[in-house]
Each structure stands twice: as C-alpha cells, then as structure tokens.
PDB file of N, CA and C in Angstrom:
ATOM      1  N   MET A   1     -36.832  27.742   3.365  1.00  0.00           N
ATOM      2  CA  MET A   1     -35.861  27.022   3.528  1.00  0.00           C
ATOM      3  C   MET A   1     -35.504  26.009   2.277  1.00  0.00           C
ATOM      4  N   ALA A   2     -33.913  25.969   1.965  1.00  0.00           N
ATOM      5  CA  ALA A   2     -33.212  25.083   0.853  1.00  0.00           C
ATOM      6  C   ALA A   2     -33.704  23.637   0.842  1.00  0.00           C
ATOM      7  N   VAL A   3     -33.846  23.325  -0.118  1.00  0.00           N
ATOM      8  CA  VAL A   3     -34.059  21.841  -0.408  1.00  0.00           C
ATOM      9  C   VAL A   3     -32.790  21.388  -1.046  1.00  0.00           C
ATOM     10  N   ASN A   4     -32.556  20.160  -1.012  1.00  0.00           N
ATOM     11  CA  ASN A   4     -31.188  19.516  -1.211  1.00  0.00           C
ATOM     12  C   ASN A   4     -30.834  19.444  -2.504  1.00  0.00           C
ATOM     13  N   LYS A   5     -31.904  19.647  -3.232  1.00  0.00           N
ATOM     14  CA  LYS A   5     -31.892  19.986  -5.032  1.00  0.00           C
ATOM     15  C   LYS A   5     -31.249  20.691  -5.266  1.00  0.00           C
ATOM     16  N   ASP A   6     -31.431  22.572  -4.290  1.00  0.00           N
ATOM     17  CA  ASP A   6     -31.050  23.410  -4.409  1.00  0.00           C
ATOM     18  C   ASP A   6     -29.373  24.068  -4.160  1.00  0.00           C
ATOM     19  N   ILE A   7     -29.460  23.449  -2.995  1.00  0.00           N
ATOM     20  CA  ILE A   7     -27.844  23.075  -2.814  1.00  0.00           C
ATOM     21  C   ILE A   7     -26.560  22.828  -3.849  1.00  0.00           C
ATOM     22  N   LYS A   8     -25.776  23.679  -4.296  1.00  0.00           N
ATOM     23  CA  LYS A   8     -24.722  23.279  -5.141  1.00  0.00           C
ATOM     24  C   LYS A   8     -23.349  23.365  -4.856  1.00  0.00           C
ATOM     25  N   PHE A   9     -23.086  21.928  -4.782  1.00  0.00           N
ATOM     26  CA  PHE A   9     -21.304  22.304  -4.082  1.00  0.00           C
ATOM     27  C   PHE A   9     -20.541  22.937  -5.206  1.00  0.00           C
ATOM     28  N   LEU A  10     -19.515  23.508  -5.126  1.00  0.00           N
ATOM     29  CA  LEU A  10     -18.075  23.936  -5.625  1.00  0.00           C
ATOM     30  C   LEU A  10     -17.353  22.736  -6.343  1.00  0.00           C
ATOM     31  N   THR A  11     -17.194  21.761  -5.278  1.00  0.00           N
ATOM     32  CA  THR A  11     -16.244  20.595  -5.262  1.00  0.00           C
ATOM     33  C   THR A  11     -17.709  19.522  -4.935  1.00  0.00           C
ATOM     34  N   ASN A  12     -16.840  18.480  -5.485  1.00  0.00           N
ATOM     35  CA  ASN A  12     -17.814  17.048  -5.382  1.00  0.00           C
ATOM     36  C   ASN A  12     -16.940  16.708  -3.863  1.00  0.00           C
ATOM     37  N   PRO A  13     -18.350  16.652  -2.976  1.00  0.00           N
ATOM     38  CA  PRO A  13     -18.369  16.664  -1.071  1.00  0.00           C
ATOM     39  C   PRO A  13     -18.161  15.123  -1.061  1.00  0.00           C
ATOM     40  N   ASN A  14     -18.145  14.573  -1.624  1.00  0.00           N
ATOM     41  CA  ASN A  14     -17.313  12.929  -1.776  1.00  0.00           C
ATOM     42  C   ASN A  14     -15.758  13.035  -1.315  1.00  0.00           C
ATOM     43  N   ILE A  15     -15.131  13.954  -2.219  1.00  0.00           N
ATOM     44  CA  ILE A  15     -13.408  14.259  -2.121  1.00  0.00           C
ATOM     45  C   ILE A  15     -13.290  14.671  -0.650  1.00  0.00           C
ATOM     46  N   GLY A  16     -11.843  14.137   0.004  1.00  0.00           N
ATOM     47  CA  GLY A  16     -11.674  14.242   1.008  1.00  0.00           C
ATOM     48  C   GLY A  16     -12.377  13.116   1.949  1.00  0.00           C
ATOM     49  N   LYS A  17     -12.978  12.242   1.942  1.00  0.00           N
ATOM     50  CA  LYS A  17     -13.359  10.836   2.662  1.00  0.00           C
ATOM     51  C   LYS A  17     -13.031  10.307   2.202  1.00  0.00           C
ATOM     52  N   ASN A  18     -11.961   9.264   3.754  1.00  0.00           N
ATOM     53  CA  ASN A  18     -11.283   8.547   3.149  1.00  0.00           C
ATOM     54  C   ASN A  18     -11.805   7.114   3.423  1.00  0.00           C
ATOM     55  N   ARG A  19     -11.169   6.103   2.377  1.00  0.00           N
ATOM     56  CA  ARG A  19     -11.559   4.738   2.332  1.00  0.00           C
ATOM     57  C   ARG A  19     -11.326   3.889   3.380  1.00  0.00           C
ATOM     58  N   GLN A  20     -11.927   3.161   3.635  1.00  0.00           N
ATOM     59  CA  GLN A  20     -11.748   2.390   4.684  1.00  0.00           C
ATOM     60  C   GLN A  20     -11.008   1.367   4.355  1.00  0.00           C
ATOM     61  N   LYS A  21      -9.537   1.246   4.709  1.00  0.00           N
ATOM     62  CA  LYS A  21      -8.769   0.186   4.776  1.00  0.00           C
ATOM     63  C   LYS A  21      -8.532  -0.815   5.208  1.00  0.00           C
ATOM     64  N   TYR A  22      -8.217  -1.926   4.556  1.00  0.00           N
ATOM     65  CA  TYR A  22      -8.557  -3.363   4.878  1.00  0.00           C
ATOM     66  C   TYR A  22      -6.920  -3.878   4.815  1.00  0.00           C
ATOM     67  N   CYS A  23      -6.461  -5.386   5.460  1.00  0.00           N
ATOM     68  CA  CYS A  23      -5.644  -5.876   5.029  1.00  0.00           C
ATOM     69  C   CYS A  23      -5.959  -6.761   3.535  1.00  0.00           C
ATOM     70  N   ARG A  24      -5.196  -6.560   2.480  1.00  0.00           N
ATOM     71  CA  ARG A  24      -5.392  -7.872   2.015  1.00  0.00           C
ATOM     72  C   ARG A  24      -5.151  -8.735   2.102  1.00  0.00           C
ATOM     73  N   PHE A  25      -4.138  -9.312   2.717  1.00  0.00           N
ATOM     74  CA  PHE A  25      -3.314 -10.151   2.766  1.00  0.00           C
ATOM     75  C   PHE A  25      -4.470 -11.392   3.487  1.00  0.00           C
ATOM     76  N   LYS A  26      -5.341 -10.920   4.550  1.00  0.00           N
ATOM     77  CA  LYS A  26      -6.095 -11.054   5.634  1.00  0.00           C
ATOM     78  C   LYS A  26      -7.958 -11.465   4.665  1.00  0.00           C
ATOM     79  N   LYS A  27      -7.447 -10.326   3.507  1.00  0.00           N
ATOM     80  CA  LYS A  27      -9.029 -10.524   3.189  1.00  0.00           C
ATOM     81  C   LYS A  27      -9.484 -11.446   1.872  1.00  0.00           C
ATOM     82  N   TYR A  28      -7.885 -11.706   1.794  1.00  0.00           N
ATOM     83  CA  TYR A  28      -8.006 -12.749   0.335  1.00  0.00           C
ATOM     84  C   TYR A  28      -6.732 -14.492   0.845  1.00  0.00           C
ATOM     85  N   GLY A  29      -6.717 -14.157   2.381  1.00  0.00           N
ATOM     86  CA  GLY A  29      -6.429 -15.295   2.943  1.00  0.00           C
ATOM     87  C   GLY A  29      -4.769 -15.484   2.153  1.00  0.00           C
ATOM     88  N   ILE A  30      -4.083 -14.497   1.797  1.00  0.00           N
ATOM     89  CA  ILE A  30      -2.384 -14.746   1.766  1.00  0.00           C
ATOM     90  C   ILE A  30      -2.096 -15.474   3.147  1.00  0.00           C
ATOM     91  N   LYS A  31      -1.381 -16.524   2.948  1.00  0.00           N
ATOM     92  CA  LYS A  31      -0.464 -16.884   4.314  1.00  0.00           C
ATOM     93  C   LYS A  31       0.762 -16.899   4.025  1.00  0.00           C
ATOM     94  N   TYR A  32       1.721 -17.195   2.790  1.00  0.00           N
ATOM     95  CA  TYR A  32       2.710 -16.575   2.388  1.00  0.00           C
ATOM     96  C   TYR A  32       3.163 -15.669   1.948  1.00  0.00           C
ATOM     97  N   ILE A  33       4.223 -14.946   2.154  1.00  0.00           N
ATOM     98  CA  ILE A  33       4.865 -13.815   1.052  1.00  0.00           C
ATOM     99  C   ILE A  33       6.035 -14.144   0.615  1.00  0.00           C
ATOM    100  N   ASP A  34       6.071 -14.317  -0.835  1.00  0.00           N
ATOM    101  CA  ASP A  34       7.016 -14.734  -1.769  1.00  0.00           C
ATOM    102  C   ASP A  34       7.851 -13.926  -1.967  1.00  0.00           C
ATOM    103  N   TYR A  35       9.065 -13.880  -1.320  1.00  0.00           N
ATOM    104  CA  TYR A  35      10.161 -12.846  -1.982  1.00  0.00           C
ATOM    105  C   TYR A  35      10.983 -12.756  -3.255  1.00  0.00           C
ATOM    106  N   LYS A  36      10.314 -13.726  -3.644  1.00  0.00           N
ATOM    107  CA  LYS A  36      10.833 -13.843  -5.141  1.00  0.00           C
ATOM    108  C   LYS A  36       9.722 -13.390  -6.628  1.00  0.00           C
ATOM    109  N   ASP A  37       9.032 -12.556  -6.102  1.00  0.00           N
ATOM    110  CA  ASP A  37       7.630 -12.570  -6.430  1.00  0.00           C
ATOM    111  C   ASP A  37       8.151 -10.653  -6.702  1.00  0.00           C
ATOM    112  N   ALA A  38       9.131 -10.159  -6.813  1.00  0.00           N
ATOM    113  CA  ALA A  38       9.311  -8.903  -7.387  1.00  0.00           C
ATOM    114  C   ALA A  38       7.997  -7.493  -7.277  1.00  0.00           C
ATOM    115  N   ASP A  39       6.811  -8.163  -8.380  1.00  0.00           N
ATOM    116  CA  ASP A  39       6.080  -7.146  -8.717  1.00  0.00           C
ATOM    117  C   ASP A  39       5.518  -7.281  -7.649  1.00  0.00           C
ATOM    118  N   PHE A  40       4.934  -7.869  -7.217  1.00  0.00           N
ATOM    119  CA  PHE A  40       3.842  -7.728  -5.621  1.00  0.00           C
ATOM    120  C   PHE A  40       4.430  -7.558  -4.713  1.00  0.00           C
ATOM    121  N   LEU A  41       6.401  -7.209  -4.458  1.00  0.00           N
ATOM    122  CA  LEU A  41       6.357  -6.508  -3.514  1.00  0.00           C
ATOM    123  C   LEU A  41       6.722  -5.380  -4.000  1.00  0.00           C
ATOM    124  N   LEU A  42       6.930  -4.479  -5.147  1.00  0.00           N
ATOM    125  CA  LEU A  42       6.605  -3.248  -5.548  1.00  0.00           C
ATOM    126  C   LEU A  42       5.290  -2.714  -4.911  1.00  0.00           C
ATOM    127  N   GLN A  43       4.549  -3.290  -4.761  1.00  0.00           N
ATOM    128  CA  GLN A  43       2.889  -2.406  -4.534  1.00  0.00           C
ATOM    129  C   GLN A  43       3.134  -1.532  -2.704  1.00  0.00           C
ATOM    130  N   PHE A  44       4.251  -1.975  -2.268  1.00  0.00           N
ATOM    131  CA  PHE A  44       5.190  -2.231  -0.745  1.00  0.00           C
ATOM    132  C   PHE A  44       6.537  -0.923  -0.709  1.00  0.00           C
ATOM    133  N   ILE A  45       6.411  -0.457  -2.331  1.00  0.00           N
ATOM    134  CA  ILE A  45       8.014   0.157  -1.696  1.00  0.00           C
ATOM    135  C   ILE A  45       7.386   1.668  -2.652  1.00  0.00           C
ATOM    136  N   ASN A  46       7.663   2.544  -2.024  1.00  0.00           N
ATOM    137  CA  ASN A  46       7.655   3.524  -2.961  1.00  0.00           C
ATOM    138  C   ASN A  46       8.846   3.897  -3.871  1.00  0.00           C
ATOM    139  N   PRO A  47       8.981   5.547  -4.587  1.00  0.00           N
ATOM    140  CA  PRO A  47       9.707   5.363  -5.816  1.00  0.00           C
ATOM    141  C   PRO A  47      11.321   5.450  -5.463  1.00  0.00           C
ATOM    142  N   GLN A  48      11.430   6.033  -4.034  1.00  0.00           N
ATOM    143  CA  GLN A  48      13.151   6.193  -3.569  1.00  0.00           C
ATOM    144  C   GLN A  48      13.212   4.432  -2.722  1.00  0.00           C
ATOM    145  N   GLY A  49      12.523   3.648  -3.161  1.00  0.00           N
ATOM    146  CA  GLY A  49      12.924   2.281  -2.630  1.00  0.00           C
ATOM    147  C   GLY A  49      12.503   2.060  -1.561  1.00  0.00           C
ATOM    148  N   LYS A  50      11.865   2.852  -0.111  1.00  0.00           N
ATOM    149  CA  LYS A  50      11.711   3.023   0.701  1.00  0.00           C
ATOM    150  C   LYS A  50      10.328   2.180   0.815  1.00  0.00           C
ATOM    151  N   LEU A  51      10.388   0.876   2.434  1.00  0.00           N
ATOM    152  CA  LEU A  51       8.555  -0.107   2.729  1.00  0.00           C
ATOM    153  C   LEU A  51       8.108   1.766   2.724  1.00  0.00           C
ATOM    154  N   LEU A  52       6.402   1.077   2.075  1.00  0.00           N
ATOM    155  CA  LEU A  52       5.536   2.073   2.932  1.00  0.00           C
ATOM    156  C   LEU A  52       4.392   1.817   4.321  1.00  0.00           C
ATOM    157  N   PRO A  53       4.721   2.223   4.444  1.00  0.00           N
ATOM    158  CA  PRO A  53       3.922   2.408   6.588  1.00  0.00           C
ATOM    159  C   PRO A  53       3.153   1.797   6.614  1.00  0.00           C
ATOM    160  N   ARG A  54       2.384   0.685   7.431  1.00  0.00           N
ATOM    161  CA  ARG A  54       0.567   0.563   7.651  1.00  0.00           C
ATOM    162  C   ARG A  54      -0.155   0.948   7.108  1.00  0.00           C
ATOM    163  N   ARG A  55       0.277   2.686   8.194  1.00  0.00           N
ATOM    164  CA  ARG A  55      -0.804   3.832   7.835  1.00  0.00           C
ATOM    165  C   ARG A  55      -1.252   3.739   6.296  1.00  0.00           C
ATOM    166  N   ILE A  56      -0.498   3.759   5.666  1.00  0.00           N
ATOM    167  CA  ILE A  56      -0.512   3.453   4.134  1.00  0.00           C
ATOM    168  C   ILE A  56      -1.329   2.754   3.406  1.00  0.00           C
ATOM    169  N   THR A  57      -0.479   1.685   3.697  1.00  0.00           N
ATOM    170  CA  THR A  57      -0.961   0.464   2.934  1.00  0.00           C
ATOM    171  C   THR A  57      -2.236  -0.469   3.390  1.00  0.00           C
ATOM    172  N   GLY A  58      -1.967   0.251   4.685  1.00  0.00           N
ATOM    173  CA  GLY A  58      -3.432  -0.876   5.475  1.00  0.00           C
ATOM    174  C   GLY A  58      -3.035  -2.300   5.677  1.00  0.00           C
ATOM    175  N   THR A  59      -1.874  -2.531   5.341  1.00  0.00           N
ATOM    176  CA  THR A  59      -1.512  -4.071   6.003  1.00  0.00           C
ATOM    177  C   THR A  59      -1.499  -4.236   7.608  1.00  0.00           C
ATOM    178  N   SER A  60      -2.082  -5.483   8.185  1.00  0.00           N
ATOM    179  CA  SER A  60      -1.489  -5.374   9.611  1.00  0.00           C
ATOM    180  C   SER A  60      -0.547  -5.595   9.844  1.00  0.00           C
ATOM    181  N   LEU A  61       0.092  -5.568  11.571  1.00  0.00           N
ATOM    182  CA  LEU A  61       1.112  -5.622  11.840  1.00  0.00           C
ATOM    183  C   LEU A  61       1.774  -6.947  11.929  1.00  0.00           C
ATOM    184  N   LYS A  62       1.323  -8.185  11.360  1.00  0.00           N
ATOM    185  CA  LYS A  62       1.800  -9.325  11.162  1.00  0.00           C
ATOM    186  C   LYS A  62       2.408  -9.718  10.133  1.00  0.00           C
ATOM    187  N   TYR A  63       1.810  -8.943   9.090  1.00  0.00           N
ATOM    188  CA  TYR A  63       1.706  -9.354   7.566  1.00  0.00           C
ATOM    189  C   TYR A  63       3.044  -8.343   7.094  1.00  0.00           C
ATOM    190  N   GLN A  64       2.988  -7.230   7.580  1.00  0.00           N
ATOM    191  CA  GLN A  64       3.638  -5.700   7.771  1.00  0.00           C
ATOM    192  C   GLN A  64       5.092  -6.656   8.152  1.00  0.00           C
ATOM    193  N   ARG A  65       5.473  -7.237   8.861  1.00  0.00           N
ATOM    194  CA  ARG A  65       6.529  -8.178   9.406  1.00  0.00           C
ATOM    195  C   ARG A  65       7.436  -8.512   8.179  1.00  0.00           C
ATOM    196  N   LYS A  66       5.637  -9.441   8.086  1.00  0.00           N
ATOM    197  CA  LYS A  66       6.613 -10.471   6.990  1.00  0.00           C
ATOM    198  C   LYS A  66       6.925  -9.938   5.823  1.00  0.00           C
ATOM    199  N   VAL A  67       5.880  -8.572   5.014  1.00  0.00           N
ATOM    200  CA  VAL A  67       6.338  -8.241   4.085  1.00  0.00           C
ATOM    201  C   VAL A  67       8.019  -7.452   3.996  1.00  0.00           C
ATOM    202  N   ALA A  68       8.460  -7.035   5.346  1.00  0.00           N
ATOM    203  CA  ALA A  68       9.328  -5.959   5.621  1.00  0.00           C
ATOM    204  C   ALA A  68      10.829  -7.222   5.829  1.00  0.00           C
ATOM    205  N   SER A  69      10.283  -8.433   6.042  1.00  0.00           N
ATOM    206  CA  SER A  69      11.387  -9.500   5.667  1.00  0.00           C
ATOM    207  C   SER A  69      11.515 -10.107   4.610  1.00  0.00           C
ATOM    208  N   ALA A  70      10.356 -10.067   3.376  1.00  0.00           N
ATOM    209  CA  ALA A  70      10.697 -10.260   2.123  1.00  0.00           C
ATOM    210  C   ALA A  70      11.331  -9.350   1.259  1.00  0.00           C
ATOM    211  N   VAL A  71      10.881  -7.877   1.629  1.00  0.00           N
ATOM    212  CA  VAL A  71      11.749  -6.918   1.085  1.00  0.00           C
ATOM    213  C   VAL A  71      13.271  -7.675   1.346  1.00  0.00           C
ATOM    214  N   LYS A  72      13.375  -7.364   2.611  1.00  0.00           N
ATOM    215  CA  LYS A  72      15.006  -7.364   2.981  1.00  0.00           C
ATOM    216  C   LYS A  72      15.482  -8.951   2.338  1.00  0.00           C
ATOM    217  N   ARG A  73      15.038  -9.736   1.725  1.00  0.00           N
ATOM    218  CA  ARG A  73      15.520 -10.916   1.454  1.00  0.00           C
ATOM    219  C   ARG A  73      15.326 -10.683   0.329  1.00  0.00           C
ATOM    220  N   ALA A  74      14.519 -10.151  -0.468  1.00  0.00           N
ATOM    221  CA  ALA A  74      14.525  -9.738  -2.447  1.00  0.00           C
ATOM    222  C   ALA A  74      16.042  -8.933  -2.453  1.00  0.00           C
ATOM    223  N   ARG A  75      16.146  -8.232  -1.658  1.00  0.00           N
ATOM    224  CA  ARG A  75      17.432  -6.925  -1.421  1.00  0.00           C
ATOM    225  C   ARG A  75      18.527  -7.076  -1.257  1.00  0.00           C
ATOM    226  N   HIS A  76      18.271  -8.595  -0.315  1.00  0.00           N
ATOM    227  CA  HIS A  76      19.891  -9.028  -0.553  1.00  0.00           C
ATOM    228  C   HIS A  76      20.502  -9.770  -1.775  1.00  0.00           C
ATOM    229  N   LEU A  77      18.846 -10.534  -2.681  1.00  0.00           N
ATOM    230  CA  LEU A  77      19.452 -11.035  -3.678  1.00  0.00           C
ATOM    231  C   LEU A  77      19.369 -10.780  -4.483  1.00  0.00           C
ATOM    232  N   ALA A  78      19.421  -9.079  -4.696  1.00  0.00           N
ATOM    233  CA  ALA A  78      19.594  -8.275  -5.677  1.00  0.00           C
ATOM    234  C   ALA A  78      18.746  -8.448  -6.804  1.00  0.00           C
ATOM    235  N   ILE A  79      17.042  -8.603  -6.171  1.00  0.00           N
ATOM    236  CA  ILE A  79      15.859  -8.305  -6.954  1.00  0.00           C
ATOM    237  C   ILE A  79      15.482  -7.783  -6.838  1.00  0.00           C
ATOM    238  N   LEU A  80      15.898  -6.626  -5.550  1.00  0.00           N
ATOM    239  CA  LEU A  80      14.989  -5.388  -6.066  1.00  0.00           C
ATOM    240  C   LEU A  80      16.329  -4.513  -5.259  1.00  0.00           C
ATOM    241  N   PRO A  81      16.356  -2.987  -5.876  1.00  0.00           N
ATOM    242  CA  PRO A  81      17.117  -2.333  -5.065  1.00  0.00           C
ATOM    243  C   PRO A  81      17.047  -1.722  -4.130  1.00  0.00           C
ATOM    244  N   TYR A  82      18.303  -1.178  -3.075  1.00  0.00           N
ATOM    245  CA  TYR A  82      18.035  -1.176  -1.658  1.00  0.00           C
ATOM    246  C   TYR A  82      18.224   0.286  -1.855  1.00  0.00           C
ATOM    247  N   VAL A  83      18.416   1.539  -3.036  1.00  0.00           N
ATOM    248  CA  VAL A  83      18.023   2.810  -3.350  1.00  0.00           C
ATOM    249  C   VAL A  83      18.000   3.000  -4.470  1.00  0.00           C
ATOM    250  N   THR A  84      17.000   3.880  -4.947  1.00  0.00           N
ATOM    251  CA  THR A  84      16.853   4.065  -6.538  1.00  0.00           C
ATOM    252  C   THR A  84      17.047   5.949  -6.880  1.00  0.00           C
ATOM    253  N   ASP A  85      16.223   6.067  -7.450  1.00  0.00           N
ATOM    254  CA  ASP A  85      14.960   6.948  -8.367  1.00  0.00           C
ATOM    255  C   ASP A  85      14.423   6.264  -8.870  1.00  0.00           C
ATOM    256  N   LEU A  86      13.204   7.153  -8.501  1.00  0.00           N
ATOM    257  CA  LEU A  86      11.610   6.727  -9.764  1.00  0.00           C
ATOM    258  C   LEU A  86      11.841   5.177  -9.743  1.00  0.00           C
ATOM    259  N   LEU A  87      12.112   4.509  -9.352  1.00  0.00           N
ATOM    260  CA  LEU A  87      11.686   2.871  -9.460  1.00  0.00           C
ATOM    261  C   LEU A  87      10.652   1.960 -10.251  1.00  0.00           C
ATOM    262  N   LYS A  88       9.649   3.130  -9.716  1.00  0.00           N
ATOM    263  CA  LYS A  88       8.089   2.865 -10.258  1.00  0.00           C
ATOM    264  C   LYS A  88       8.107   3.262 -11.665  1.00  0.00           C
TER     265      LYS A  88
END
C-alpha cells in the first residue's frame, strides 16, 4: 500500500477547487454604493463594459441591484462608458 508521502501529483491538487464566494458588501458593512466612485465600480464591469453577473462576483441580490443602478447612473453622467474595448 502506498503512503501519502509516496503519492506524487503531476499537478497541484488544489487547482480546480473553488474558493467560497461571499458578498463583500455584507462582509464589510457597506450600505451605500456611490455612483461617483468609478474605480470601485470598475470591479463589477468586464473589459467590454458589461456588468459582471452575481455568480462571478459573489454579490448578493440586494447589492447586485444597487451596483447595477449605480453603474447605470455613472454611465448616464459619462463617468463610465457604455461600450468600450479593453476598459481595464
């Protein structure tokens, strides 16, 4: 029988394990999402300018709606672009 020390992996066995997703707004107690803070809102937008879904960011439904409305307000005021190539 092989002992754990004798088993050698070709790849790291931790690769492919997903980290636990969490809502950063609940964790840090953020109540208000400022639409004027473009650097913060860029974390929720992909390079083409689209909103990232909840399943990728881990944001709860309540705060995802607030993020979406903040991004829409920032786009309306020309703080963020509607469509772009290589935003980040």
